[in-house]
Amino acid sequence: MQLLLMKQGGQELYVGPLGHHSSHLISYFEGIHGVNKIKDAYNPTTWMLEVTTSIKEMELGIDFAEVYTFILFI
């Protein structure tokens, strides 16, 4: 199963496979410096929505859309 995750304004945050129990999505976001790891038995969808908020972006000093675009061109 594939996921297209966008932020308000239509910028892509993640496009790709979810993986078994959302493992690919989790690995991607946990690989971004400062993003909290998902807790055991926590709902991956809830976690993803919590870690990608504009408030989190301000706290971490990053733009998830820019991070995703940068990773595409590596």
Protein backbone atom coordinates (compact mmCIF):
# COMPACT_ATOMS: atom_id res chain seq x y z
CA MET A 1 0.00 0.00 0.00
CA GLN A 2 1.26 3.48 -0.90
CA LEU A 3 0.76 6.73 0.97
CA LEU A 4 0.72 10.30 -0.29
CA LEU A 5 1.05 12.56 2.76
CA MET A 6 0.69 16.28 2.17
CA LYS A 7 0.68 19.29 4.43
CA GLN A 8 -1.71 22.20 4.20
CA GLY A 9 -0.91 23.98 0.95
CA GLY A 10 -0.33 20.76 -0.98
CA GLN A 11 3.36 20.20 -0.27
CA GLU A 12 4.43 16.56 -0.13
CA LEU A 13 5.78 15.23 3.15
CA TYR A 14 6.02 11.57 2.19
CA VAL A 15 5.19 9.56 -0.89
CA GLY A 16 5.88 5.87 -0.80
CA PRO A 17 5.10 2.50 0.66
CA LEU A 18 3.67 2.17 4.14
CA GLY A 19 5.29 -1.18 4.80
CA HIS A 20 4.10 -3.88 7.16
CA HIS A 21 2.51 -2.14 10.18
CA SER A 22 3.60 1.20 8.61
CA SER A 23 7.28 0.27 9.05
CA HIS A 24 8.56 2.25 6.04
CA LEU A 25 6.66 5.37 7.06
CA ILE A 26 7.87 5.06 10.66
CA SER A 27 11.49 4.51 9.60
CA TYR A 28 11.36 7.55 7.34
CA PHE A 29 10.09 9.96 9.99
CA GLU A 30 12.16 8.48 12.82
CA GLY A 31 15.20 9.07 10.61
CA ILE A 32 14.63 12.83 10.72
CA HIS A 33 16.70 14.39 13.49
CA GLY A 34 14.54 15.47 16.42
CA VAL A 35 11.42 13.47 15.56
CA ASN A 36 10.23 11.44 18.55
CA LYS A 37 10.30 7.68 18.15
CA ILE A 38 6.94 5.94 18.08
CA LYS A 39 6.00 4.27 21.36
CA ASP A 40 5.22 0.55 21.51
CA ALA A 41 1.62 -0.26 20.53
CA TYR A 42 0.96 3.38 19.52
CA ASN A 43 -1.20 3.99 16.47
CA PRO A 44 1.15 4.88 13.56
CA THR A 45 -1.42 7.17 11.95
CA THR A 46 -1.92 9.16 15.13
CA TRP A 47 1.86 9.35 15.67
CA MET A 48 2.48 10.50 12.07
CA LEU A 49 -0.11 13.26 12.38
CA GLU A 50 1.36 14.38 15.72
CA VAL A 51 4.99 14.50 14.57
CA THR A 52 4.29 16.39 11.32
CA THR A 53 2.34 19.36 12.66
CA SER A 54 3.40 22.92 11.91
CA ILE A 55 4.02 23.34 15.64
CA LYS A 56 6.51 20.43 15.54
CA GLU A 57 8.17 21.98 12.49
CA MET A 58 8.64 25.23 14.44
CA GLU A 59 9.92 23.36 17.52
CA LEU A 60 12.44 21.40 15.43
CA GLY A 61 13.31 24.28 13.12
CA ILE A 62 12.60 22.24 10.00
CA ASP A 63 10.14 22.09 7.14
CA PHE A 64 9.11 18.49 6.47
CA ALA A 65 8.31 19.29 2.84
CA GLU A 66 11.84 20.65 2.32
CA VAL A 67 13.31 17.57 4.02
CA TYR A 68 11.31 15.31 1.71
CA THR A 69 12.33 17.28 -1.40
CA PHE A 70 15.98 17.17 -0.33
CA ILE A 71 15.86 13.40 0.18
CA LEU A 72 14.39 12.94 -3.31
CA PHE A 73 17.48 14.50 -4.86
CA ILE A 74 20.13 12.60 -2.88
